[in-house]
PDB file of N, CA and C in Angstrom:
ATOM      1  N   UNK A   1      89.712  77.956  61.139  1.00  0.00           N
ATOM      2  CA  UNK A   1      90.291  78.882  60.286  1.00  0.00           C
ATOM      3  C   UNK A   1      91.832  79.371  60.367  1.00  0.00           C
ATOM      4  N   UNK A   2      92.476  78.672  59.593  1.00  0.00           N
ATOM      5  CA  UNK A   2      93.892  79.200  59.812  1.00  0.00           C
ATOM      6  C   UNK A   2      94.737  80.658  59.606  1.00  0.00           C
ATOM      7  N   UNK A   3      95.876  80.790  60.168  1.00  0.00           N
ATOM      8  CA  UNK A   3      96.366  81.730  60.026  1.00  0.00           C
ATOM      9  C   UNK A   3      95.867  83.212  58.995  1.00  0.00           C
ATOM     10  N   UNK A   4      96.823  82.239  57.587  1.00  0.00           N
ATOM     11  CA  UNK A   4      96.102  82.855  56.114  1.00  0.00           C
ATOM     12  C   UNK A   4      94.597  83.857  56.070  1.00  0.00           C
ATOM     13  N   UNK A   5      93.536  82.763  56.772  1.00  0.00           N
ATOM     14  CA  UNK A   5      92.435  82.783  56.061  1.00  0.00           C
ATOM     15  C   UNK A   5      91.876  83.843  57.019  1.00  0.00           C
ATOM     16  N   UNK A   6      92.600  84.103  58.754  1.00  0.00           N
ATOM     17  CA  UNK A   6      92.493  85.211  59.612  1.00  0.00           C
ATOM     18  C   UNK A   6      93.188  86.538  59.055  1.00  0.00           C
ATOM     19  N   UNK A   7      94.101  86.340  58.521  1.00  0.00           N
ATOM     20  CA  UNK A   7      94.826  87.332  57.610  1.00  0.00           C
ATOM     21  C   UNK A   7      93.676  88.520  56.800  1.00  0.00           C
ATOM     22  N   UNK A   8      93.727  87.454  55.959  1.00  0.00           N
ATOM     23  CA  UNK A   8      92.431  87.802  54.888  1.00  0.00           C
ATOM     24  C   UNK A   8      91.430  88.221  55.102  1.00  0.00           C
ATOM     25  N   UNK A   9      90.875  87.742  56.183  1.00  0.00           N
ATOM     26  CA  UNK A   9      89.621  88.109  56.950  1.00  0.00           C
ATOM     27  C   UNK A   9      89.639  89.712  57.281  1.00  0.00           C
ATOM     28  N   UNK A  10      90.773  89.648  58.300  1.00  0.00           N
ATOM     29  CA  UNK A  10      90.998  91.009  58.837  1.00  0.00           C
ATOM     30  C   UNK A  10      91.327  92.491  57.654  1.00  0.00           C
ATOM     31  N   UNK A  11      91.862  91.771  56.814  1.00  0.00           N
ATOM     32  CA  UNK A  11      92.156  92.478  55.838  1.00  0.00           C
ATOM     33  C   UNK A  11      91.261  93.192  54.999  1.00  0.00           C
ATOM     34  N   UNK A  12      90.299  92.313  54.686  1.00  0.00           N
ATOM     35  CA  UNK A  12      89.013  92.624  53.911  1.00  0.00           C
ATOM     36  C   UNK A  12      88.334  93.554  54.798  1.00  0.00           C
ATOM     37  N   UNK A  13      88.113  93.234  56.074  1.00  0.00           N
ATOM     38  CA  UNK A  13      87.543  94.117  57.133  1.00  0.00           C
ATOM     39  C   UNK A  13      88.215  95.288  57.437  1.00  0.00           C
ATOM     40  N   UNK A  14      89.204  95.842  56.702  1.00  0.00           N
ATOM     41  CA  UNK A  14      89.681  97.301  57.523  1.00  0.00           C
ATOM     42  C   UNK A  14      88.696  98.722  57.078  1.00  0.00           C
ATOM     43  N   UNK A  15      88.743  98.922  58.017  1.00  0.00           N
ATOM     44  CA  UNK A  15      88.009 100.544  58.001  1.00  0.00           C
ATOM     45  C   UNK A  15      87.119 101.009  59.004  1.00  0.00           C
ATOM     46  N   UNK A  16      86.503 101.481  58.786  1.00  0.00           N
ATOM     47  CA  UNK A  16      85.667 102.149  60.279  1.00  0.00           C
ATOM     48  C   UNK A  16      85.759 103.342  60.917  1.00  0.00           C
ATOM     49  N   UNK A  17      85.700 103.598  61.672  1.00  0.00           N
ATOM     50  CA  UNK A  17      85.711 104.567  62.686  1.00  0.00           C
ATOM     51  C   UNK A  17      87.667 104.021  63.183  1.00  0.00           C
ATOM     52  N   UNK A  18      87.995 103.301  63.974  1.00  0.00           N
ATOM     53  CA  UNK A  18      89.423 103.130  64.295  1.00  0.00           C
ATOM     54  C   UNK A  18      90.177 102.722  63.289  1.00  0.00           C
ATOM     55  N   UNK A  19      90.219 103.116  61.811  1.00  0.00           N
ATOM     56  CA  UNK A  19      90.636 102.286  60.523  1.00  0.00           C
ATOM     57  C   UNK A  19      92.930 102.396  60.650  1.00  0.00           C
ATOM     58  N   UNK A  20      92.905 103.575  61.665  1.00  0.00           N
ATOM     59  CA  UNK A  20      94.586 103.838  61.609  1.00  0.00           C
ATOM     60  C   UNK A  20      94.806 102.469  62.447  1.00  0.00           C
ATOM     61  N   UNK A  21      94.055 102.839  64.083  1.00  0.00           N
ATOM     62  CA  UNK A  21      94.764 101.518  64.453  1.00  0.00           C
ATOM     63  C   UNK A  21      94.459 100.458  63.953  1.00  0.00           C
ATOM     64  N   UNK A  22      93.499 100.133  62.961  1.00  0.00           N
ATOM     65  CA  UNK A  22      93.174  98.795  62.630  1.00  0.00           C
ATOM     66  C   UNK A  22      94.361  98.288  61.484  1.00  0.00           C
ATOM     67  N   UNK A  23      94.726  98.983  60.504  1.00  0.00           N
ATOM     68  CA  UNK A  23      95.683  98.885  60.386  1.00  0.00           C
ATOM     69  C   UNK A  23      97.299  98.772  60.790  1.00  0.00           C
ATOM     70  N   UNK A  24      97.659  99.951  61.688  1.00  0.00           N
ATOM     71  CA  UNK A  24      98.439  99.497  62.550  1.00  0.00           C
ATOM     72  C   UNK A  24      98.545  98.343  62.866  1.00  0.00           C
ATOM     73  N   UNK A  25      97.501  97.491  63.676  1.00  0.00           N
ATOM     74  CA  UNK A  25      97.439  96.093  63.534  1.00  0.00           C
ATOM     75  C   UNK A  25      97.697  94.666  62.966  1.00  0.00           C
ATOM     76  N   UNK A  26      97.204  95.075  61.661  1.00  0.00           N
ATOM     77  CA  UNK A  26      97.333  94.508  60.740  1.00  0.00           C
ATOM     78  C   UNK A  26      98.637  94.439  60.143  1.00  0.00           C
ATOM     79  N   UNK A  27      99.558  95.688  60.200  1.00  0.00           N
ATOM     80  CA  UNK A  27     101.015  95.430  59.366  1.00  0.00           C
ATOM     81  C   UNK A  27     101.991  94.475  60.925  1.00  0.00           C
ATOM     82  N   UNK A  28     101.639  94.985  61.896  1.00  0.00           N
ATOM     83  CA  UNK A  28     102.460  94.045  62.741  1.00  0.00           C
ATOM     84  C   UNK A  28     101.331  92.607  62.752  1.00  0.00           C
ATOM     85  N   UNK A  29     100.364  92.374  62.674  1.00  0.00           N
ATOM     86  CA  UNK A  29     100.161  91.128  62.063  1.00  0.00           C
ATOM     87  C   UNK A  29     101.096  90.277  61.095  1.00  0.00           C
ATOM     88  N   UNK A  30     101.294  91.089  60.290  1.00  0.00           N
ATOM     89  CA  UNK A  30     102.089  90.821  58.958  1.00  0.00           C
ATOM     90  C   UNK A  30     103.385  90.496  59.006  1.00  0.00           C
ATOM     91  N   UNK A  31     103.923  91.579  59.823  1.00  0.00           N
ATOM     92  CA  UNK A  31     105.404  91.260  60.123  1.00  0.00           C
ATOM     93  C   UNK A  31     105.879  89.844  61.289  1.00  0.00           C
ATOM     94  N   UNK A  32     104.815  90.086  62.173  1.00  0.00           N
ATOM     95  CA  UNK A  32     105.077  88.786  62.802  1.00  0.00           C
ATOM     96  C   UNK A  32     104.892  87.938  62.346  1.00  0.00           C
ATOM     97  N   UNK A  33     104.060  86.927  61.754  1.00  0.00           N
ATOM     98  CA  UNK A  33     103.358  86.183  60.616  1.00  0.00           C
ATOM     99  C   UNK A  33     105.063  85.623  59.420  1.00  0.00           C
ATOM    100  N   UNK A  34     105.255  87.066  59.413  1.00  0.00           N
ATOM    101  CA  UNK A  34     106.666  86.887  58.104  1.00  0.00           C
ATOM    102  C   UNK A  34     107.547  86.470  58.952  1.00  0.00           C
ATOM    103  N   UNK A  35     108.033  86.857  60.551  1.00  0.00           N
ATOM    104  CA  UNK A  35     108.939  86.185  61.226  1.00  0.00           C
ATOM    105  C   UNK A  35     109.284  84.883  61.779  1.00  0.00           C
ATOM    106  N   UNK A  36     107.399  84.198  61.380  1.00  0.00           N
ATOM    107  CA  UNK A  36     107.061  83.110  62.072  1.00  0.00           C
ATOM    108  C   UNK A  36     106.712  82.904  63.568  1.00  0.00           C
ATOM    109  N   UNK A  37     106.367  84.239  63.872  1.00  0.00           N
ATOM    110  CA  UNK A  37     105.528  84.394  65.212  1.00  0.00           C
ATOM    111  C   UNK A  37     103.907  84.295  64.905  1.00  0.00           C
ATOM    112  N   UNK A  38     103.600  83.075  65.061  1.00  0.00           N
ATOM    113  CA  UNK A  38     101.997  83.195  64.654  1.00  0.00           C
ATOM    114  C   UNK A  38     101.251  82.985  65.586  1.00  0.00           C
ATOM    115  N   UNK A  39     101.840  82.883  67.044  1.00  0.00           N
ATOM    116  CA  UNK A  39     100.973  83.313  67.839  1.00  0.00           C
ATOM    117  C   UNK A  39     100.446  84.700  67.800  1.00  0.00           C
ATOM    118  N   UNK A  40     101.888  85.553  67.972  1.00  0.00           N
ATOM    119  CA  UNK A  40     101.496  87.355  67.810  1.00  0.00           C
ATOM    120  C   UNK A  40     100.574  87.599  66.180  1.00  0.00           C
ATOM    121  N   UNK A  41     100.989  86.886  65.397  1.00  0.00           N
ATOM    122  CA  UNK A  41     100.387  87.117  64.176  1.00  0.00           C
ATOM    123  C   UNK A  41      98.941  86.690  64.432  1.00  0.00           C
ATOM    124  N   UNK A  42      98.497  86.208  65.096  1.00  0.00           N
ATOM    125  CA  UNK A  42      96.970  85.586  65.143  1.00  0.00           C
ATOM    126  C   UNK A  42      96.455  86.851  65.725  1.00  0.00           C
ATOM    127  N   UNK A  43      97.217  87.118  67.277  1.00  0.00           N
ATOM    128  CA  UNK A  43      96.772  88.633  68.268  1.00  0.00           C
ATOM    129  C   UNK A  43      96.463  89.198  67.731  1.00  0.00           C
ATOM    130  N   UNK A  44      97.560  89.619  66.724  1.00  0.00           N
ATOM    131  CA  UNK A  44      97.829  91.261  65.838  1.00  0.00           C
ATOM    132  C   UNK A  44      96.622  91.180  64.980  1.00  0.00           C
ATOM    133  N   UNK A  45      96.171  90.019  64.049  1.00  0.00           N
ATOM    134  CA  UNK A  45      94.790  90.174  63.522  1.00  0.00           C
ATOM    135  C   UNK A  45      93.358  90.522  64.179  1.00  0.00           C
ATOM    136  N   UNK A  46      93.227  89.301  65.216  1.00  0.00           N
ATOM    137  CA  UNK A  46      91.894  89.734  65.864  1.00  0.00           C
ATOM    138  C   UNK A  46      92.211  90.863  66.743  1.00  0.00           C
ATOM    139  N   UNK A  47      92.911  91.496  66.934  1.00  0.00           N
ATOM    140  CA  UNK A  47      92.924  93.148  67.591  1.00  0.00           C
ATOM    141  C   UNK A  47      92.615  94.123  66.014  1.00  0.00           C
ATOM    142  N   UNK A  48      93.093  93.670  65.197  1.00  0.00           N
ATOM    143  CA  UNK A  48      92.975  94.328  63.858  1.00  0.00           C
ATOM    144  C   UNK A  48      91.016  94.318  63.706  1.00  0.00           C
ATOM    145  N   UNK A  49      90.691  93.284  63.727  1.00  0.00           N
ATOM    146  CA  UNK A  49      89.189  93.059  63.696  1.00  0.00           C
ATOM    147  C   UNK A  49      88.302  94.166  64.487  1.00  0.00           C
ATOM    148  N   UNK A  50      89.358  93.875  65.732  1.00  0.00           N
ATOM    149  CA  UNK A  50      88.068  94.614  66.860  1.00  0.00           C
ATOM    150  C   UNK A  50      88.068  95.691  66.638  1.00  0.00           C
ATOM    151  N   UNK A  51      89.237  96.304  65.967  1.00  0.00           N
ATOM    152  CA  UNK A  51      89.172  97.826  65.861  1.00  0.00           C
ATOM    153  C   UNK A  51      88.277  98.247  64.422  1.00  0.00           C
ATOM    154  N   UNK A  52      88.416  97.497  63.635  1.00  0.00           N
ATOM    155  CA  UNK A  52      87.799  97.469  62.464  1.00  0.00           C
ATOM    156  C   UNK A  52      86.126  97.712  62.307  1.00  0.00           C
ATOM    157  N   UNK A  53      85.694  96.379  62.981  1.00  0.00           N
ATOM    158  CA  UNK A  53      84.320  95.942  62.993  1.00  0.00           C
ATOM    159  C   UNK A  53      83.807  95.820  64.393  1.00  0.00           C
ATOM    160  N   UNK A  54      84.175  95.862  65.867  1.00  0.00           N
ATOM    161  CA  UNK A  54      84.041  95.657  66.732  1.00  0.00           C
ATOM    162  C   UNK A  54      83.761  94.144  67.255  1.00  0.00           C
ATOM    163  N   UNK A  55      84.013  93.637  68.420  1.00  0.00           N
ATOM    164  CA  UNK A  55      83.884  92.541  69.249  1.00  0.00           C
ATOM    165  C   UNK A  55      82.309  92.173  68.955  1.00  0.00           C
ATOM    166  N   UNK A  56      81.447  92.570  68.656  1.00  0.00           N
ATOM    167  CA  UNK A  56      80.435  91.903  68.677  1.00  0.00           C
ATOM    168  C   UNK A  56      79.877  91.316  67.483  1.00  0.00           C
ATOM    169  N   UNK A  57      80.510  91.801  65.962  1.00  0.00           N
ATOM    170  CA  UNK A  57      80.603  91.653  64.719  1.00  0.00           C
ATOM    171  C   UNK A  57      80.545  90.602  64.682  1.00  0.00           C
ATOM    172  N   UNK A  58      79.560  89.392  63.488  1.00  0.00           N
ATOM    173  CA  UNK A  58      80.199  88.333  63.003  1.00  0.00           C
ATOM    174  C   UNK A  58      81.506  87.693  62.894  1.00  0.00           C
ATOM    175  N   UNK A  59      82.004  89.002  62.319  1.00  0.00           N
ATOM    176  CA  UNK A  59      83.310  88.232  61.800  1.00  0.00           C
ATOM    177  C   UNK A  59      84.321  88.155  62.653  1.00  0.00           C
ATOM    178  N   UNK A  60      84.202  88.907  63.547  1.00  0.00           N
ATOM    179  CA  UNK A  60      85.111  89.072  64.729  1.00  0.00           C
ATOM    180  C   UNK A  60      84.825  87.999  65.880  1.00  0.00           C
ATOM    181  N   UNK A  61      83.770  88.174  66.581  1.00  0.00           N
ATOM    182  CA  UNK A  61      83.356  86.208  66.524  1.00  0.00           C
ATOM    183  C   UNK A  61      83.694  85.045  66.211  1.00  0.00           C
ATOM    184  N   UNK A  62      83.269  84.891  64.655  1.00  0.00           N
ATOM    185  CA  UNK A  62      84.162  83.601  64.347  1.00  0.00           C
ATOM    186  C   UNK A  62      85.443  83.709  64.167  1.00  0.00           C
ATOM    187  N   UNK A  63      86.230  84.857  64.196  1.00  0.00           N
ATOM    188  CA  UNK A  63      87.882  84.448  63.972  1.00  0.00           C
ATOM    189  C   UNK A  63      88.360  84.300  65.445  1.00  0.00           C
ATOM    190  N   UNK A  64      87.760  84.841  66.351  1.00  0.00           N
ATOM    191  CA  UNK A  64      88.175  84.922  67.719  1.00  0.00           C
ATOM    192  C   UNK A  64      88.090  83.496  68.501  1.00  0.00           C
ATOM    193  N   UNK A  65      85.904  82.627  68.296  1.00  0.00           N
ATOM    194  CA  UNK A  65      86.248  81.713  68.608  1.00  0.00           C
ATOM    195  C   UNK A  65      86.816  80.759  67.585  1.00  0.00           C
ATOM    196  N   UNK A  66      86.589  80.790  66.139  1.00  0.00           N
ATOM    197  CA  UNK A  66      87.620  79.451  65.700  1.00  0.00           C
ATOM    198  C   UNK A  66      89.049  79.508  66.012  1.00  0.00           C
ATOM    199  N   UNK A  67      89.786  80.399  66.166  1.00  0.00           N
ATOM    200  CA  UNK A  67      90.967  80.728  65.983  1.00  0.00           C
ATOM    201  C   UNK A  67      91.632  79.846  67.839  1.00  0.00           C
ATOM    202  N   UNK A  68      90.836  80.381  68.582  1.00  0.00           N
ATOM    203  CA  UNK A  68      91.106  80.231  69.731  1.00  0.00           C
ATOM    204  C   UNK A  68      90.290  78.856  70.326  1.00  0.00           C
ATOM    205  N   UNK A  69      89.658  77.723  69.583  1.00  0.00           N
ATOM    206  CA  UNK A  69      89.534  76.651  70.090  1.00  0.00           C
ATOM    207  C   UNK A  69      90.210  75.708  69.640  1.00  0.00           C
ATOM    208  N   UNK A  70      89.433  74.151  69.535  1.00  0.00           N
ATOM    209  CA  UNK A  70      90.332  72.890  68.976  1.00  0.00           C
ATOM    210  C   UNK A  70      89.683  72.972  67.539  1.00  0.00           C
ATOM    211  N   UNK A  71      88.964  73.646  67.007  1.00  0.00           N
ATOM    212  CA  UNK A  71      88.470  73.985  65.420  1.00  0.00           C
ATOM    213  C   UNK A  71      89.848  74.501  64.878  1.00  0.00           C
ATOM    214  N   UNK A  72      90.626  74.929  65.159  1.00  0.00           N
ATOM    215  CA  UNK A  72      91.823  75.684  64.760  1.00  0.00           C
ATOM    216  C   UNK A  72      92.760  74.612  64.151  1.00  0.00           C
ATOM    217  N   UNK A  73      93.360  74.994  62.444  1.00  0.00           N
ATOM    218  CA  UNK A  73      93.766  74.338  62.324  1.00  0.00           C
ATOM    219  C   UNK A  73      94.957  75.133  61.515  1.00  0.00           C
ATOM    220  N   UNK A  74      96.191  74.615  62.564  1.00  0.00           N
ATOM    221  CA  UNK A  74      97.302  75.678  62.717  1.00  0.00           C
ATOM    222  C   UNK A  74      98.157  75.667  60.944  1.00  0.00           C
ATOM    223  N   UNK A  75      99.041  76.731  60.564  1.00  0.00           N
ATOM    224  CA  UNK A  75      99.022  77.467  59.484  1.00  0.00           C
ATOM    225  C   UNK A  75     100.314  76.714  59.387  1.00  0.00           C
ATOM    226  N   UNK A  76     100.928  76.582  60.327  1.00  0.00           N
ATOM    227  CA  UNK A  76     102.397  75.698  60.820  1.00  0.00           C
ATOM    228  C   UNK A  76     102.012  74.786  62.147  1.00  0.00           C
ATOM    229  N   UNK A  77     102.752  73.516  61.716  1.00  0.00           N
ATOM    230  CA  UNK A  77     102.837  72.247  62.804  1.00  0.00           C
ATOM    231  C   UNK A  77     103.136  72.932  64.051  1.00  0.00           C
ATOM    232  N   UNK A  78     103.993  73.922  63.692  1.00  0.00           N
ATOM    233  CA  UNK A  78     104.929  74.841  64.875  1.00  0.00           C
ATOM    234  C   UNK A  78     103.988  74.961  66.091  1.00  0.00           C
ATOM    235  N   UNK A  79     102.421  75.631  65.678  1.00  0.00           N
ATOM    236  CA  UNK A  79     101.848  76.243  66.717  1.00  0.00           C
ATOM    237  C   UNK A  79     101.162  75.762  67.438  1.00  0.00           C
ATOM    238  N   UNK A  80     101.727  75.008  68.218  1.00  0.00           N
ATOM    239  CA  UNK A  80     101.171  74.381  69.443  1.00  0.00           C
ATOM    240  C   UNK A  80     101.394  75.107  71.052  1.00  0.00           C
ATOM    241  N   UNK A  81     100.374  76.043  71.192  1.00  0.00           N
ATOM    242  CA  UNK A  81     100.648  76.716  72.681  1.00  0.00           C
ATOM    243  C   UNK A  81      99.449  76.829  73.583  1.00  0.00           C
ATOM    244  N   UNK A  82      99.514  77.156  74.389  1.00  0.00           N
ATOM    245  CA  UNK A  82      97.736  77.799  75.268  1.00  0.00           C
ATOM    246  C   UNK A  82      97.515  78.483  74.989  1.00  0.00           C
ATOM    247  N   UNK A  83      97.577  79.344  73.636  1.00  0.00           N
ATOM    248  CA  UNK A  83      97.206  80.762  73.082  1.00  0.00           C
ATOM    249  C   UNK A  83      95.858  79.826  72.393  1.00  0.00           C
ATOM    250  N   UNK A  84      96.542  78.820  71.563  1.00  0.00           N
ATOM    251  CA  UNK A  84      95.218  78.044  70.582  1.00  0.00           C
ATOM    252  C   UNK A  84      94.399  77.574  71.262  1.00  0.00           C
ATOM    253  N   UNK A  85      94.534  77.018  72.148  1.00  0.00           N
ATOM    254  CA  UNK A  85      93.255  76.092  73.124  1.00  0.00           C
ATOM    255  C   UNK A  85      92.383  77.007  73.981  1.00  0.00           C
ATOM    256  N   UNK A  86      92.704  78.214  74.070  1.00  0.00           N
ATOM    257  CA  UNK A  86      91.844  79.129  75.083  1.00  0.00           C
ATOM    258  C   UNK A  86      90.310  78.552  74.355  1.00  0.00           C
ATOM    259  N   UNK A  87      89.792  79.032  75.147  1.00  0.00           N
ATOM    260  CA  UNK A  87      88.138  78.684  75.072  1.00  0.00           C
ATOM    261  C   UNK A  87      87.327  79.638  75.383  1.00  0.00           C
ATOM    262  N   UNK A  88      87.429  80.918  74.848  1.00  0.00           N
ATOM    263  CA  UNK A  88      86.104  81.968  75.510  1.00  0.00           C
ATOM    264  C   UNK A  88      85.186  81.708  76.227  1.00  0.00           C
ATOM    265  N   UNK A  89      84.728  82.355  77.205  1.00  0.00           N
ATOM    266  CA  UNK A  89      83.579  81.987  77.823  1.00  0.00           C
ATOM    267  C   UNK A  89      82.227  82.345  77.076  1.00  0.00           C
ATOM    268  N   UNK A  90      81.394  81.710  77.206  1.00  0.00           N
ATOM    269  CA  UNK A  90      80.341  81.631  76.233  1.00  0.00           C
ATOM    270  C   UNK A  90      78.934  82.262  76.527  1.00  0.00           C
ATOM    271  N   UNK A  91      78.579  82.938  76.108  1.00  0.00           N
ATOM    272  CA  UNK A  91      77.474  84.312  76.348  1.00  0.00           C
ATOM    273  C   UNK A  91      76.411  83.863  76.110  1.00  0.00           C
ATOM    274  N   UNK A  92      75.254  83.670  76.968  1.00  0.00           N
ATOM    275  CA  UNK A  92      73.794  83.790  77.230  1.00  0.00           C
ATOM    276  C   UNK A  92      72.559  84.586  76.865  1.00  0.00           C
TER     277      UNK A  92
END
């Protein structure tokens, strides 16, 4: 999942009990993307999803998994940081 897909997913899921927090995070994600800080944009978009749908929702889990593993396809070739290679622990 690349950054534009992550932003679209977060935007499509805006809502829920914490909608105002989700919208603030989404705004920060777009601002970070516009200034070229793709790590921060991804972090804010994932945080927006957590406020919108919760951390156990399939949309959040998919975004967090694919964006933080080697399956990540960067939106920009400069996206090479430890953040993108983070692998969350597997729940059993």
